Every structure is written in C-alpha cells, then in structure tokens.
Amino acid sequence: MDKKYYWARVEHYRQKARESYYRNKEYHQKYWKEHPEKRRNADLKNRYGITSEEYIKLYEKQQGKCLICGRPQEELKSKLAVDHCHKTKIIRGLLCRTCNAHLGWHEKWIDKIENYLKNN
C-alpha cells in the first residue's frame, strides 16, 4: 500500500482497527494473558524498537541493576524500565521505576530550574 494513500486515510484505518479489536476483545485479552512473553516483546518493539533479546543483553551488561541507584532487580517490584531520550529515541539503559520517574521529571523541568538558580 502506498504511504501517501495510507496517511490520507489514516483515521479510517484506525477506526477499522478499533472496531476489529472491540469485536474480538475477549479473544485478545485471553491471548495476551496466555502469552505474556509475546506481549512484552511486542511492547518493547513498539515503544523502544528493541526485542526481548536486546533487553536481556542490556540487563546482563548492567548485571541486573539500575544504572543510577544500583539496586538489583530482585529488590524491585517491577522490571527495570527502558530509559531513552524522547527526542532522539536512543536507549540509554535500564533504570528502576523510581530513578526513571525522577529522571523524566528533571528532564522536563531542568531548564526552568537552571533559569531560576541563575536569576536568584
């Protein structure tokens, strides 16, 4: 399918996809519950452009620890998050949820904080 043709009708295709999903919602929910590894792999691929194998390589390279605070995966309630630059999409490493959230907050506000410190 031609990209121009698709993008000219993108809302139509999105609506068709939504309708298909809701018609088969129970099937999809059951499938993802039965195949969590496929869901994880699809999620990694869609969000960050990496596979589960690439995530595992990063995990092993970091010895299963957060790059910032160094806490091991065993101490955490959830898997290490993939930290990436939202502008360039470059993956920086794996972080615990706490460090990832703090880093995101600081990235959002760093310019305002620096401006405040310069002027006061």
C-alpha atoms as a PDB file:
ATOM      1  CA  MET A   1       0.000   0.000   0.000  1.00  0.00           C
ATOM      2  CA  ASP A   2       1.254   3.463  -0.890  1.00  0.00           C
ATOM      3  CA  LYS A   3       2.261   5.564   2.151  1.00  0.00           C
ATOM      4  CA  LYS A   4       0.516   8.682   0.830  1.00  0.00           C
ATOM      5  CA  TYR A   5      -2.669   6.695   0.315  1.00  0.00           C
ATOM      6  CA  TYR A   6      -2.443   5.281   3.842  1.00  0.00           C
ATOM      7  CA  TRP A   7      -1.737   8.609   5.555  1.00  0.00           C
ATOM      8  CA  ALA A   8      -4.534  10.315   3.647  1.00  0.00           C
ATOM      9  CA  ARG A   9      -6.908   7.734   5.165  1.00  0.00           C
ATOM     10  CA  VAL A  10      -5.187   7.022   8.467  1.00  0.00           C
ATOM     11  CA  GLU A  11      -8.231   7.825  10.614  1.00  0.00           C
ATOM     12  CA  HIS A  12     -10.321   5.394   8.594  1.00  0.00           C
ATOM     13  CA  TYR A  13      -7.781   2.601   9.202  1.00  0.00           C
ATOM     14  CA  ARG A  14      -7.503   3.422  12.897  1.00  0.00           C
ATOM     15  CA  GLN A  15     -11.281   3.284  13.257  1.00  0.00           C
ATOM     16  CA  LYS A  16     -11.369  -0.093  11.480  1.00  0.00           C
ATOM     17  CA  ALA A  17      -8.663  -1.397  13.827  1.00  0.00           C
ATOM     18  CA  ARG A  18     -10.596  -0.179  16.894  1.00  0.00           C
ATOM     19  CA  GLU A  19     -13.781  -1.810  15.643  1.00  0.00           C
ATOM     20  CA  SER A  20     -11.954  -5.084  14.998  1.00  0.00           C
ATOM     21  CA  TYR A  21     -10.373  -5.002  18.449  1.00  0.00           C
ATOM     22  CA  TYR A  22     -13.689  -4.416  20.222  1.00  0.00           C
ATOM     23  CA  ARG A  23     -15.420  -7.135  18.198  1.00  0.00           C
ATOM     24  CA  ASN A  24     -12.728  -9.581  19.337  1.00  0.00           C
ATOM     25  CA  LYS A  25     -11.829  -8.023  22.705  1.00  0.00           C
ATOM     26  CA  GLU A  26     -12.281 -11.193  24.769  1.00  0.00           C
ATOM     27  CA  TYR A  27     -10.080 -13.157  22.383  1.00  0.00           C
ATOM     28  CA  HIS A  28      -7.323 -10.533  22.550  1.00  0.00           C
ATOM     29  CA  GLN A  29      -7.427 -10.318  26.343  1.00  0.00           C
ATOM     30  CA  LYS A  30      -7.280 -14.105  26.679  1.00  0.00           C
ATOM     31  CA  TYR A  31      -4.449 -14.356  24.127  1.00  0.00           C
ATOM     32  CA  TRP A  32      -2.259 -11.776  25.866  1.00  0.00           C
ATOM     33  CA  LYS A  33      -2.838 -13.417  29.268  1.00  0.00           C
ATOM     34  CA  GLU A  34      -1.775 -16.772  27.814  1.00  0.00           C
ATOM     35  CA  HIS A  35       1.275 -15.315  26.002  1.00  0.00           C
ATOM     36  CA  PRO A  36       2.831 -12.642  28.262  1.00  0.00           C
ATOM     37  CA  GLU A  37       6.253 -13.024  26.621  1.00  0.00           C
ATOM     38  CA  LYS A  38       4.774 -12.120  23.218  1.00  0.00           C
ATOM     39  CA  ARG A  39       3.046  -9.109  24.729  1.00  0.00           C
ATOM     40  CA  ARG A  40       6.302  -7.971  26.351  1.00  0.00           C
ATOM     41  CA  ASN A  41       8.212  -8.414  23.102  1.00  0.00           C
ATOM     42  CA  ALA A  42       5.560  -6.504  21.127  1.00  0.00           C
ATOM     43  CA  ASP A  43       5.567  -3.741  23.743  1.00  0.00           C
ATOM     44  CA  LEU A  44       9.371  -3.402  23.658  1.00  0.00           C
ATOM     45  CA  LYS A  45       9.364  -3.359  19.865  1.00  0.00           C
ATOM     46  CA  ASN A  46       6.564  -0.779  19.585  1.00  0.00           C
ATOM     47  CA  ARG A  47       7.789   1.566  22.325  1.00  0.00           C
ATOM     48  CA  TYR A  48      11.564   1.355  22.024  1.00  0.00           C
ATOM     49  CA  GLY A  49      12.378  -0.547  18.824  1.00  0.00           C
ATOM     50  CA  ILE A  50      14.171  -3.385  20.639  1.00  0.00           C
ATOM     51  CA  THR A  51      13.500  -7.089  21.075  1.00  0.00           C
ATOM     52  CA  SER A  52      13.366  -9.090  24.285  1.00  0.00           C
ATOM     53  CA  GLU A  53      16.818 -10.453  23.446  1.00  0.00           C
ATOM     54  CA  GLU A  54      18.230  -6.919  23.263  1.00  0.00           C
ATOM     55  CA  TYR A  55      16.576  -6.097  26.606  1.00  0.00           C
ATOM     56  CA  ILE A  56      18.189  -9.209  28.120  1.00  0.00           C
ATOM     57  CA  LYS A  57      21.612  -8.162  26.749  1.00  0.00           C
ATOM     58  CA  LEU A  58      21.234  -4.731  28.392  1.00  0.00           C
ATOM     59  CA  TYR A  59      20.098  -6.412  31.600  1.00  0.00           C
ATOM     60  CA  GLU A  60      23.139  -8.728  31.637  1.00  0.00           C
ATOM     61  CA  LYS A  61      25.519  -5.869  30.750  1.00  0.00           C
ATOM     62  CA  GLN A  62      24.196  -3.951  33.780  1.00  0.00           C
ATOM     63  CA  GLN A  63      24.304  -7.114  35.929  1.00  0.00           C
ATOM     64  CA  GLY A  64      20.570  -6.755  36.583  1.00  0.00           C
ATOM     65  CA  LYS A  65      20.962  -3.416  38.382  1.00  0.00           C
ATOM     66  CA  CYS A  66      19.597   0.071  37.875  1.00  0.00           C
ATOM     67  CA  LEU A  67      22.194   2.285  36.174  1.00  0.00           C
ATOM     68  CA  ILE A  68      21.595   5.185  38.551  1.00  0.00           C
ATOM     69  CA  CYS A  69      20.982   3.815  42.056  1.00  0.00           C
ATOM     70  CA  GLY A  70      22.436   0.329  41.542  1.00  0.00           C
ATOM     71  CA  ARG A  71      19.534  -1.539  43.149  1.00  0.00           C
ATOM     72  CA  PRO A  72      19.278  -5.116  41.839  1.00  0.00           C
ATOM     73  CA  GLN A  73      16.150  -6.364  40.075  1.00  0.00           C
ATOM     74  CA  GLU A  74      15.421  -8.744  42.984  1.00  0.00           C
ATOM     75  CA  GLU A  75      14.735  -5.775  45.297  1.00  0.00           C
ATOM     76  CA  LEU A  76      12.287  -4.140  42.878  1.00  0.00           C
ATOM     77  CA  LYS A  77       8.561  -4.744  42.467  1.00  0.00           C
ATOM     78  CA  SER A  78       8.619  -4.289  38.669  1.00  0.00           C
ATOM     79  CA  LYS A  79      11.046  -4.921  35.824  1.00  0.00           C
ATOM     80  CA  LEU A  80      13.747  -2.403  35.053  1.00  0.00           C
ATOM     81  CA  ALA A  81      12.391   0.291  32.730  1.00  0.00           C
ATOM     82  CA  VAL A  82      13.978   1.109  29.390  1.00  0.00           C
ATOM     83  CA  ASP A  83      15.383   4.636  29.672  1.00  0.00           C
ATOM     84  CA  HIS A  84      15.522   6.505  26.375  1.00  0.00           C
ATOM     85  CA  CYS A  85      15.807  10.013  25.012  1.00  0.00           C
ATOM     86  CA  HIS A  86      12.374  11.137  23.833  1.00  0.00           C
ATOM     87  CA  LYS A  87      13.882  13.384  21.154  1.00  0.00           C
ATOM     88  CA  THR A  88      16.442  11.020  19.584  1.00  0.00           C
ATOM     89  CA  LYS A  89      14.860   7.695  20.675  1.00  0.00           C
ATOM     90  CA  ILE A  90      18.329   6.486  21.716  1.00  0.00           C
ATOM     91  CA  ILE A  91      18.245   3.947  24.557  1.00  0.00           C
ATOM     92  CA  ARG A  92      20.479   4.915  27.471  1.00  0.00           C
ATOM     93  CA  GLY A  93      19.997   1.869  29.684  1.00  0.00           C
ATOM     94  CA  LEU A  94      17.710   0.209  32.205  1.00  0.00           C
ATOM     95  CA  LEU A  95      16.512   2.031  35.302  1.00  0.00           C
ATOM     96  CA  CYS A  96      14.305   1.213  38.261  1.00  0.00           C
ATOM     97  CA  ARG A  97      10.906   2.901  38.095  1.00  0.00           C
ATOM     98  CA  THR A  98      11.859   5.430  40.778  1.00  0.00           C
ATOM     99  CA  CYS A  99      15.023   6.623  39.029  1.00  0.00           C
ATOM    100  CA  ASN A 100      13.283   6.644  35.648  1.00  0.00           C
ATOM    101  CA  ALA A 101      10.448   8.795  37.005  1.00  0.00           C
ATOM    102  CA  HIS A 102      12.852  11.218  38.697  1.00  0.00           C
ATOM    103  CA  LEU A 103      14.974  11.479  35.571  1.00  0.00           C
ATOM    104  CA  GLY A 104      11.889  12.207  33.461  1.00  0.00           C
ATOM    105  CA  TRP A 105      10.793  14.904  35.891  1.00  0.00           C
ATOM    106  CA  HIS A 106      14.240  16.527  35.901  1.00  0.00           C
ATOM    107  CA  GLU A 107      14.471  16.463  32.099  1.00  0.00           C
ATOM    108  CA  LYS A 108      11.112  18.222  31.892  1.00  0.00           C
ATOM    109  CA  TRP A 109      11.996  20.942  34.404  1.00  0.00           C
ATOM    110  CA  ILE A 110      15.812  21.309  34.171  1.00  0.00           C
ATOM    111  CA  ASP A 111      15.707  24.469  32.000  1.00  0.00           C
ATOM    112  CA  LYS A 112      13.292  26.192  34.371  1.00  0.00           C
ATOM    113  CA  ILE A 113      15.318  25.142  37.422  1.00  0.00           C
ATOM    114  CA  GLU A 114      18.589  26.397  35.873  1.00  0.00           C
ATOM    115  CA  ASN A 115      16.932  29.680  34.911  1.00  0.00           C
ATOM    116  CA  TYR A 116      15.590  30.092  38.443  1.00  0.00           C
ATOM    117  CA  LEU A 117      19.012  29.423  40.012  1.00  0.00           C
ATOM    118  CA  LYS A 118      20.742  31.899  37.663  1.00  0.00           C
ATOM    119  CA  ASN A 119      18.288  34.679  38.436  1.00  0.00           C
ATOM    120  CA  ASN A 120      18.088  34.229  42.230  1.00  0.00           C
END
